[in-house]
PDB file of N, CA and C in Angstrom:
ATOM      1  N   MET A   1     -22.397 -14.412  15.491  1.00  0.00           N
ATOM      2  CA  MET A   1     -21.963 -15.210  14.364  1.00  0.00           C
ATOM      3  C   MET A   1     -21.379 -16.516  14.871  1.00  0.00           C
ATOM      4  N   SER A   2     -22.158 -17.184  15.674  1.00  0.00           N
ATOM      5  CA  SER A   2     -21.675 -18.392  16.316  1.00  0.00           C
ATOM      6  C   SER A   2     -21.503 -19.553  15.355  1.00  0.00           C
ATOM      7  N   HIS A   3     -22.076 -19.492  14.181  1.00  0.00           N
ATOM      8  CA  HIS A   3     -21.958 -20.614  13.265  1.00  0.00           C
ATOM      9  C   HIS A   3     -20.576 -20.726  12.629  1.00  0.00           C
ATOM     10  N   ILE A   4     -19.732 -19.682  12.753  1.00  0.00           N
ATOM     11  CA  ILE A   4     -18.363 -19.779  12.243  1.00  0.00           C
ATOM     12  C   ILE A   4     -17.326 -19.540  13.343  1.00  0.00           C
ATOM     13  N   ASP A   5     -17.730 -19.569  14.572  1.00  0.00           N
ATOM     14  CA  ASP A   5     -16.832 -19.414  15.718  1.00  0.00           C
ATOM     15  C   ASP A   5     -16.067 -18.096  15.724  1.00  0.00           C
ATOM     16  N   VAL A   6     -16.699 -17.023  15.267  1.00  0.00           N
ATOM     17  CA  VAL A   6     -16.085 -15.702  15.287  1.00  0.00           C
ATOM     18  C   VAL A   6     -17.091 -14.730  15.895  1.00  0.00           C
ATOM     19  N   ASP A   7     -16.659 -13.997  16.913  1.00  0.00           N
ATOM     20  CA  ASP A   7     -17.524 -12.983  17.519  1.00  0.00           C
ATOM     21  C   ASP A   7     -17.745 -11.822  16.552  1.00  0.00           C
ATOM     22  N   VAL A   8     -18.734 -11.026  16.846  1.00  0.00           N
ATOM     23  CA  VAL A   8     -19.045  -9.870  16.001  1.00  0.00           C
ATOM     24  C   VAL A   8     -17.879  -8.881  16.017  1.00  0.00           C
ATOM     25  N   ILE A   9     -17.303  -8.649  17.173  1.00  0.00           N
ATOM     26  CA  ILE A   9     -16.161  -7.723  17.276  1.00  0.00           C
ATOM     27  C   ILE A   9     -14.988  -8.240  16.449  1.00  0.00           C
ATOM     28  N   ASP A  10     -14.721  -9.535  16.527  1.00  0.00           N
ATOM     29  CA  ASP A  10     -13.636 -10.111  15.727  1.00  0.00           C
ATOM     30  C   ASP A  10     -13.921  -9.962  14.233  1.00  0.00           C
ATOM     31  N   PHE A  11     -15.167 -10.174  13.852  1.00  0.00           N
ATOM     32  CA  PHE A  11     -15.523 -10.024  12.448  1.00  0.00           C
ATOM     33  C   PHE A  11     -15.330  -8.591  11.981  1.00  0.00           C
ATOM     34  N   VAL A  12     -15.708  -7.627  12.798  1.00  0.00           N
ATOM     35  CA  VAL A  12     -15.503  -6.214  12.447  1.00  0.00           C
ATOM     36  C   VAL A  12     -14.016  -5.916  12.321  1.00  0.00           C
ATOM     37  N   LEU A  13     -13.222  -6.438  13.245  1.00  0.00           N
ATOM     38  CA  LEU A  13     -11.779  -6.224  13.166  1.00  0.00           C
ATOM     39  C   LEU A  13     -11.190  -6.871  11.915  1.00  0.00           C
ATOM     40  N   LEU A  14     -11.659  -8.056  11.573  1.00  0.00           N
ATOM     41  CA  LEU A  14     -11.175  -8.714  10.359  1.00  0.00           C
ATOM     42  C   LEU A  14     -11.550  -7.928   9.107  1.00  0.00           C
ATOM     43  N   THR A  15     -12.583  -7.147   9.194  1.00  0.00           N
ATOM     44  CA  THR A  15     -12.973  -6.290   8.079  1.00  0.00           C
ATOM     45  C   THR A  15     -12.150  -5.009   8.069  1.00  0.00           C
ATOM     46  N   VAL A  16     -11.812  -4.506   9.229  1.00  0.00           N
ATOM     47  CA  VAL A  16     -11.088  -3.240   9.321  1.00  0.00           C
ATOM     48  C   VAL A  16      -9.606  -3.395   8.957  1.00  0.00           C
ATOM     49  N   TYR A  17      -8.997  -4.533   9.232  1.00  0.00           N
ATOM     50  CA  TYR A  17      -7.562  -4.708   8.967  1.00  0.00           C
ATOM     51  C   TYR A  17      -7.182  -4.438   7.509  1.00  0.00           C
ATOM     52  N   PRO A  18      -7.860  -5.036   6.518  1.00  0.00           N
ATOM     53  CA  PRO A  18      -7.471  -4.723   5.133  1.00  0.00           C
ATOM     54  C   PRO A  18      -7.713  -3.265   4.762  1.00  0.00           C
ATOM     55  N   VAL A  19      -8.790  -2.687   5.267  1.00  0.00           N
ATOM     56  CA  VAL A  19      -9.083  -1.282   4.984  1.00  0.00           C
ATOM     57  C   VAL A  19      -7.981  -0.395   5.552  1.00  0.00           C
ATOM     58  N   ALA A  20      -7.557  -0.684   6.765  1.00  0.00           N
ATOM     59  CA  ALA A  20      -6.482   0.094   7.389  1.00  0.00           C
ATOM     60  C   ALA A  20      -5.181  -0.055   6.602  1.00  0.00           C
ATOM     61  N   ALA A  21      -4.884  -1.265   6.140  1.00  0.00           N
ATOM     62  CA  ALA A  21      -3.661  -1.495   5.367  1.00  0.00           C
ATOM     63  C   ALA A  21      -3.699  -0.715   4.053  1.00  0.00           C
ATOM     64  N   LEU A  22      -4.826  -0.730   3.370  1.00  0.00           N
ATOM     65  CA  LEU A  22      -4.942   0.026   2.123  1.00  0.00           C
ATOM     66  C   LEU A  22      -4.831   1.524   2.373  1.00  0.00           C
ATOM     67  N   PHE A  23      -5.396   1.994   3.468  1.00  0.00           N
ATOM     68  CA  PHE A  23      -5.304   3.410   3.824  1.00  0.00           C
ATOM     69  C   PHE A  23      -3.859   3.805   4.124  1.00  0.00           C
ATOM     70  N   VAL A  24      -3.143   2.970   4.866  1.00  0.00           N
ATOM     71  CA  VAL A  24      -1.743   3.266   5.193  1.00  0.00           C
ATOM     72  C   VAL A  24      -0.892   3.312   3.926  1.00  0.00           C
ATOM     73  N   ILE A  25      -1.113   2.371   3.012  1.00  0.00           N
ATOM     74  CA  ILE A  25      -0.372   2.382   1.747  1.00  0.00           C
ATOM     75  C   ILE A  25      -0.677   3.658   0.970  1.00  0.00           C
ATOM     76  N   GLU A  26      -1.931   4.044   0.935  1.00  0.00           N
ATOM     77  CA  GLU A  26      -2.325   5.280   0.240  1.00  0.00           C
ATOM     78  C   GLU A  26      -1.601   6.489   0.829  1.00  0.00           C
ATOM     79  N   MET A  27      -1.570   6.606   2.136  1.00  0.00           N
ATOM     80  CA  MET A  27      -0.926   7.749   2.781  1.00  0.00           C
ATOM     81  C   MET A  27       0.588   7.740   2.549  1.00  0.00           C
ATOM     82  N   ILE A  28       1.206   6.582   2.629  1.00  0.00           N
ATOM     83  CA  ILE A  28       2.656   6.495   2.401  1.00  0.00           C
ATOM     84  C   ILE A  28       2.998   6.930   0.981  1.00  0.00           C
ATOM     85  N   PHE A  29       2.245   6.442   0.015  1.00  0.00           N
ATOM     86  CA  PHE A  29       2.538   6.781  -1.367  1.00  0.00           C
ATOM     87  C   PHE A  29       2.222   8.241  -1.683  1.00  0.00           C
ATOM     88  N   ARG A  30       1.283   8.838  -0.976  1.00  0.00           N
ATOM     89  CA  ARG A  30       1.036  10.270  -1.183  1.00  0.00           C
ATOM     90  C   ARG A  30       2.169  11.107  -0.613  1.00  0.00           C
ATOM     91  N   VAL A  31       2.753  10.647   0.486  1.00  0.00           N
ATOM     92  CA  VAL A  31       3.852  11.400   1.097  1.00  0.00           C
ATOM     93  C   VAL A  31       5.125  11.294   0.260  1.00  0.00           C
ATOM     94  N   ILE A  32       5.460  10.071  -0.187  1.00  0.00           N
ATOM     95  CA  ILE A  32       6.721   9.906  -0.918  1.00  0.00           C
ATOM     96  C   ILE A  32       6.569  10.099  -2.426  1.00  0.00           C
ATOM     97  N   LYS A  33       5.338  10.249  -2.927  1.00  0.00           N
ATOM     98  CA  LYS A  33       5.028  10.603  -4.310  1.00  0.00           C
ATOM     99  C   LYS A  33       5.669   9.662  -5.329  1.00  0.00           C
ATOM    100  N   LEU A  34       5.436   8.366  -5.151  1.00  0.00           N
ATOM    101  CA  LEU A  34       5.859   7.399  -6.158  1.00  0.00           C
ATOM    102  C   LEU A  34       4.800   7.303  -7.239  1.00  0.00           C
ATOM    103  N   LYS A  35       5.107   6.543  -8.267  1.00  0.00           N
ATOM    104  CA  LYS A  35       4.169   6.405  -9.376  1.00  0.00           C
ATOM    105  C   LYS A  35       2.893   5.718  -8.912  1.00  0.00           C
ATOM    106  N   ASN A  36       1.800   6.100  -9.533  1.00  0.00           N
ATOM    107  CA  ASN A  36       0.482   5.625  -9.139  1.00  0.00           C
ATOM    108  C   ASN A  36       0.315   4.124  -9.360  1.00  0.00           C
ATOM    109  N   TRP A  37       0.898   3.594 -10.446  1.00  0.00           N
ATOM    110  CA  TRP A  37       0.712   2.176 -10.726  1.00  0.00           C
ATOM    111  C   TRP A  37       1.414   1.310  -9.688  1.00  0.00           C
ATOM    112  N   ILE A  38       2.487   1.807  -9.099  1.00  0.00           N
ATOM    113  CA  ILE A  38       3.183   1.056  -8.050  1.00  0.00           C
ATOM    114  C   ILE A  38       2.310   0.992  -6.801  1.00  0.00           C
ATOM    115  N   LYS A  39       1.660   2.105  -6.482  1.00  0.00           N
ATOM    116  CA  LYS A  39       0.748   2.139  -5.330  1.00  0.00           C
ATOM    117  C   LYS A  39      -0.399   1.166  -5.533  1.00  0.00           C
ATOM    118  N   LEU A  40      -1.012   1.192  -6.698  1.00  0.00           N
ATOM    119  CA  LEU A  40      -2.149   0.319  -6.965  1.00  0.00           C
ATOM    120  C   LEU A  40      -1.740  -1.147  -6.944  1.00  0.00           C
ATOM    121  N   ALA A  41      -0.563  -1.452  -7.500  1.00  0.00           N
ATOM    122  CA  ALA A  41      -0.084  -2.837  -7.499  1.00  0.00           C
ATOM    123  C   ALA A  41       0.226  -3.311  -6.081  1.00  0.00           C
ATOM    124  N   SER A  42       0.781  -2.430  -5.262  1.00  0.00           N
ATOM    125  CA  SER A  42       1.076  -2.837  -3.885  1.00  0.00           C
ATOM    126  C   SER A  42      -0.216  -3.029  -3.087  1.00  0.00           C
ATOM    127  N   GLN A  43      -1.222  -2.203  -3.338  1.00  0.00           N
ATOM    128  CA  GLN A  43      -2.509  -2.401  -2.677  1.00  0.00           C
ATOM    129  C   GLN A  43      -3.146  -3.716  -3.122  1.00  0.00           C
ATOM    130  N   ALA A  44      -2.976  -4.072  -4.384  1.00  0.00           N
ATOM    131  CA  ALA A  44      -3.495  -5.352  -4.870  1.00  0.00           C
ATOM    132  C   ALA A  44      -2.787  -6.522  -4.186  1.00  0.00           C
ATOM    133  N   MET A  45      -1.475  -6.412  -4.010  1.00  0.00           N
ATOM    134  CA  MET A  45      -0.738  -7.499  -3.346  1.00  0.00           C
ATOM    135  C   MET A  45      -1.173  -7.644  -1.885  1.00  0.00           C
ATOM    136  N   VAL A  46      -1.423  -6.532  -1.237  1.00  0.00           N
ATOM    137  CA  VAL A  46      -1.913  -6.591   0.141  1.00  0.00           C
ATOM    138  C   VAL A  46      -3.291  -7.234   0.196  1.00  0.00           C
ATOM    139  N   SER A  47      -4.145  -6.907  -0.760  1.00  0.00           N
ATOM    140  CA  SER A  47      -5.480  -7.514  -0.804  1.00  0.00           C
ATOM    141  C   SER A  47      -5.386  -9.015  -1.033  1.00  0.00           C
ATOM    142  N   ILE A  48      -4.502  -9.434  -1.915  1.00  0.00           N
ATOM    143  CA  ILE A  48      -4.305 -10.870  -2.151  1.00  0.00           C
ATOM    144  C   ILE A  48      -3.775 -11.534  -0.892  1.00  0.00           C
ATOM    145  N   GLY A  49      -2.841 -10.889  -0.221  1.00  0.00           N
ATOM    146  CA  GLY A  49      -2.293 -11.444   1.019  1.00  0.00           C
ATOM    147  C   GLY A  49      -3.353 -11.633   2.089  1.00  0.00           C
ATOM    148  N   PHE A  50      -4.192 -10.626   2.261  1.00  0.00           N
ATOM    149  CA  PHE A  50      -5.275 -10.760   3.237  1.00  0.00           C
ATOM    150  C   PHE A  50      -6.273 -11.833   2.810  1.00  0.00           C
ATOM    151  N   GLY A  51      -6.548 -11.932   1.520  1.00  0.00           N
ATOM    152  CA  GLY A  51      -7.463 -12.956   1.035  1.00  0.00           C
ATOM    153  C   GLY A  51      -6.952 -14.357   1.308  1.00  0.00           C
ATOM    154  N   VAL A  52      -5.674 -14.570   1.049  1.00  0.00           N
ATOM    155  CA  VAL A  52      -5.075 -15.881   1.330  1.00  0.00           C
ATOM    156  C   VAL A  52      -5.075 -16.154   2.828  1.00  0.00           C
ATOM    157  N   ALA A  53      -4.761 -15.135   3.610  1.00  0.00           N
ATOM    158  CA  ALA A  53      -4.750 -15.315   5.065  1.00  0.00           C
ATOM    159  C   ALA A  53      -6.140 -15.641   5.588  1.00  0.00           C
ATOM    160  N   TYR A  54      -7.161 -15.016   5.032  1.00  0.00           N
ATOM    161  CA  TYR A  54      -8.523 -15.262   5.503  1.00  0.00           C
ATOM    162  C   TYR A  54      -9.011 -16.656   5.145  1.00  0.00           C
ATOM    163  N   ILE A  55      -8.419 -17.265   4.141  1.00  0.00           N
ATOM    164  CA  ILE A  55      -8.803 -18.635   3.789  1.00  0.00           C
ATOM    165  C   ILE A  55      -7.994 -19.657   4.581  1.00  0.00           C
ATOM    166  N   THR A  56      -6.710 -19.387   4.780  1.00  0.00           N
ATOM    167  CA  THR A  56      -5.818 -20.414   5.330  1.00  0.00           C
ATOM    168  C   THR A  56      -5.511 -20.265   6.815  1.00  0.00           C
ATOM    169  N   LEU A  57      -5.315 -19.066   7.306  1.00  0.00           N
ATOM    170  CA  LEU A  57      -4.801 -18.889   8.660  1.00  0.00           C
ATOM    171  C   LEU A  57      -5.857 -18.888   9.747  1.00  0.00           C
ATOM    172  N   ILE A  58      -7.051 -18.450   9.415  1.00  0.00           N
ATOM    173  CA  ILE A  58      -8.108 -18.381  10.415  1.00  0.00           C
ATOM    174  C   ILE A  58      -9.297 -19.177   9.907  1.00  0.00           C
ATOM    175  N   THR A  59     -10.360 -19.202  10.662  1.00  0.00           N
ATOM    176  CA  THR A  59     -11.575 -19.862  10.209  1.00  0.00           C
ATOM    177  C   THR A  59     -11.946 -19.305   8.843  1.00  0.00           C
ATOM    178  N   ALA A  60     -12.207 -20.187   7.905  1.00  0.00           N
ATOM    179  CA  ALA A  60     -12.386 -19.783   6.510  1.00  0.00           C
ATOM    180  C   ALA A  60     -13.485 -18.739   6.344  1.00  0.00           C
ATOM    181  N   HIS A  61     -13.083 -17.606   5.809  1.00  0.00           N
ATOM    182  CA  HIS A  61     -14.001 -16.523   5.466  1.00  0.00           C
ATOM    183  C   HIS A  61     -14.001 -16.421   3.945  1.00  0.00           C
ATOM    184  N   TRP A  62     -14.688 -17.326   3.282  1.00  0.00           N
ATOM    185  CA  TRP A  62     -14.635 -17.428   1.840  1.00  0.00           C
ATOM    186  C   TRP A  62     -15.176 -16.187   1.153  1.00  0.00           C
ATOM    187  N   LEU A  63     -16.268 -15.660   1.630  1.00  0.00           N
ATOM    188  CA  LEU A  63     -16.862 -14.501   0.968  1.00  0.00           C
ATOM    189  C   LEU A  63     -15.976 -13.263   1.111  1.00  0.00           C
ATOM    190  N   THR A  64     -15.434 -13.065   2.291  1.00  0.00           N
ATOM    191  CA  THR A  64     -14.529 -11.929   2.500  1.00  0.00           C
ATOM    192  C   THR A  64     -13.292 -12.072   1.624  1.00  0.00           C
ATOM    193  N   ALA A  65     -12.753 -13.278   1.549  1.00  0.00           N
ATOM    194  CA  ALA A  65     -11.585 -13.518   0.709  1.00  0.00           C
ATOM    195  C   ALA A  65     -11.922 -13.288  -0.765  1.00  0.00           C
ATOM    196  N   PHE A  66     -13.099 -13.726  -1.194  1.00  0.00           N
ATOM    197  CA  PHE A  66     -13.506 -13.514  -2.584  1.00  0.00           C
ATOM    198  C   PHE A  66     -13.596 -12.032  -2.907  1.00  0.00           C
ATOM    199  N   VAL A  67     -14.147 -11.251  -2.002  1.00  0.00           N
ATOM    200  CA  VAL A  67     -14.249  -9.804  -2.215  1.00  0.00           C
ATOM    201  C   VAL A  67     -12.853  -9.184  -2.291  1.00  0.00           C
ATOM    202  N   LEU A  68     -11.944  -9.633  -1.446  1.00  0.00           N
ATOM    203  CA  LEU A  68     -10.577  -9.110  -1.490  1.00  0.00           C
ATOM    204  C   LEU A  68      -9.877  -9.484  -2.791  1.00  0.00           C
ATOM    205  N   PHE A  69     -10.113 -10.704  -3.292  1.00  0.00           N
ATOM    206  CA  PHE A  69      -9.533 -11.097  -4.580  1.00  0.00           C
ATOM    207  C   PHE A  69     -10.120 -10.273  -5.729  1.00  0.00           C
ATOM    208  N   ALA A  70     -11.415  -9.987  -5.666  1.00  0.00           N
ATOM    209  CA  ALA A  70     -12.046  -9.144  -6.685  1.00  0.00           C
ATOM    210  C   ALA A  70     -11.480  -7.725  -6.633  1.00  0.00           C
ATOM    211  N   LEU A  71     -11.275  -7.209  -5.431  1.00  0.00           N
ATOM    212  CA  LEU A  71     -10.661  -5.888  -5.273  1.00  0.00           C
ATOM    213  C   LEU A  71      -9.244  -5.891  -5.844  1.00  0.00           C
ATOM    214  N   ALA A  72      -8.497  -6.956  -5.592  1.00  0.00           N
ATOM    215  CA  ALA A  72      -7.128  -7.058  -6.111  1.00  0.00           C
ATOM    216  C   ALA A  72      -7.135  -7.064  -7.642  1.00  0.00           C
ATOM    217  N   ALA A  73      -8.080  -7.777  -8.237  1.00  0.00           N
ATOM    218  CA  ALA A  73      -8.175  -7.795  -9.702  1.00  0.00           C
ATOM    219  C   ALA A  73      -8.467  -6.400 -10.241  1.00  0.00           C
ATOM    220  N   ALA A  74      -9.376  -5.683  -9.603  1.00  0.00           N
ATOM    221  CA  ALA A  74      -9.699  -4.327 -10.037  1.00  0.00           C
ATOM    222  C   ALA A  74      -8.498  -3.393  -9.861  1.00  0.00           C
ATOM    223  N   LEU A  75      -7.782  -3.548  -8.761  1.00  0.00           N
ATOM    224  CA  LEU A  75      -6.599  -2.706  -8.527  1.00  0.00           C
ATOM    225  C   LEU A  75      -5.498  -3.001  -9.544  1.00  0.00           C
ATOM    226  N   LEU A  76      -5.309  -4.276  -9.885  1.00  0.00           N
ATOM    227  CA  LEU A  76      -4.296  -4.624 -10.887  1.00  0.00           C
ATOM    228  C   LEU A  76      -4.695  -4.085 -12.263  1.00  0.00           C
ATOM    229  N   TYR A  77      -5.974  -4.128 -12.574  1.00  0.00           N
ATOM    230  CA  TYR A  77      -6.448  -3.556 -13.841  1.00  0.00           C
ATOM    231  C   TYR A  77      -6.190  -2.047 -13.874  1.00  0.00           C
ATOM    232  N   GLN A  78      -6.502  -1.356 -12.784  1.00  0.00           N
ATOM    233  CA  GLN A  78      -6.250   0.078 -12.716  1.00  0.00           C
ATOM    234  C   GLN A  78      -4.757   0.388 -12.764  1.00  0.00           C
ATOM    235  N   ALA A  79      -3.941  -0.465 -12.141  1.00  0.00           N
ATOM    236  CA  ALA A  79      -2.488  -0.262 -12.184  1.00  0.00           C
ATOM    237  C   ALA A  79      -1.980  -0.398 -13.615  1.00  0.00           C
ATOM    238  N   ARG A  80      -2.519  -1.367 -14.330  1.00  0.00           N
ATOM    239  CA  ARG A  80      -2.120  -1.563 -15.723  1.00  0.00           C
ATOM    240  C   ARG A  80      -2.503  -0.345 -16.568  1.00  0.00           C
ATOM    241  N   LEU A  81      -3.727   0.133 -16.391  1.00  0.00           N
ATOM    242  CA  LEU A  81      -4.148   1.325 -17.126  1.00  0.00           C
ATOM    243  C   LEU A  81      -3.303   2.545 -16.759  1.00  0.00           C
ATOM    244  N   SER A  82      -2.984   2.659 -15.485  1.00  0.00           N
ATOM    245  CA  SER A  82      -2.192   3.792 -15.021  1.00  0.00           C
ATOM    246  C   SER A  82      -0.764   3.733 -15.564  1.00  0.00           C
ATOM    247  N   LYS A  83      -0.247   2.539 -15.745  1.00  0.00           N
ATOM    248  CA  LYS A  83       1.118   2.411 -16.290  1.00  0.00           C
ATOM    249  C   LYS A  83       1.131   2.682 -17.794  1.00  0.00           C
ATOM    250  N   ILE A  84       0.101   2.216 -18.498  1.00  0.00           N
ATOM    251  CA  ILE A  84       0.044   2.420 -19.940  1.00  0.00           C
ATOM    252  C   ILE A  84      -0.255   3.868 -20.293  1.00  0.00           C
ATOM    253  N   LYS A  85      -1.239   4.461 -19.609  1.00  0.00           N
ATOM    254  CA  LYS A  85      -1.670   5.830 -19.881  1.00  0.00           C
ATOM    255  C   LYS A  85      -1.613   6.655 -18.598  1.00  0.00           C
ATOM    256  N   PRO A  86      -0.424   7.069 -18.167  1.00  0.00           N
ATOM    257  CA  PRO A  86      -0.329   7.772 -16.871  1.00  0.00           C
ATOM    258  C   PRO A  86      -1.061   9.107 -16.832  1.00  0.00           C
ATOM    259  N   GLY A  87      -1.229   9.775 -17.941  1.00  0.00           N
ATOM    260  CA  GLY A  87      -1.894  11.068 -17.956  1.00  0.00           C
ATOM    261  C   GLY A  87      -3.393  10.976 -17.826  1.00  0.00           C
ATOM    262  N   LYS A  88      -3.969   9.826 -18.172  1.00  0.00           N
ATOM    263  CA  LYS A  88      -5.425   9.678 -18.150  1.00  0.00           C
ATOM    264  C   LYS A  88      -5.926   9.043 -16.864  1.00  0.00           C
ATOM    265  N   SER A  89      -5.055   8.807 -15.898  1.00  0.00           N
ATOM    266  CA  SER A  89      -5.466   8.200 -14.646  1.00  0.00           C
ATOM    267  C   SER A  89      -6.337   9.162 -13.850  1.00  0.00           C
ATOM    268  N   ILE A  90      -7.398   8.631 -13.269  1.00  0.00           N
ATOM    269  CA  ILE A  90      -8.302   9.497 -12.502  1.00  0.00           C
ATOM    270  C   ILE A  90      -7.869   9.624 -11.046  1.00  0.00           C
ATOM    271  N   TYR A  91      -6.776   9.007 -10.684  1.00  0.00           N
ATOM    272  CA  TYR A  91      -6.333   9.025  -9.296  1.00  0.00           C
ATOM    273  C   TYR A  91      -5.355  10.136  -9.075  1.00  0.00           C
TER     274      TYR A  91
END
């Protein structure tokens, strides 16, 4: 991937970091058993943080950032549904 000055290994790592962060949040919230909407909202904030970082801090990864922003929107929507109707949540 020489056209964006990022090696393949670096690109894979940049993809794995948000996944690992979301997984860690999931495991923490399962252990401490907080409300589901708080978990989903925190995962959305992490996705937004990674999206902003991928645009500003490193060589611009616009598509990856866009996917993370879309994931954050979906997570915030699910958090809203989970807060309004906690019994009907599929999580």
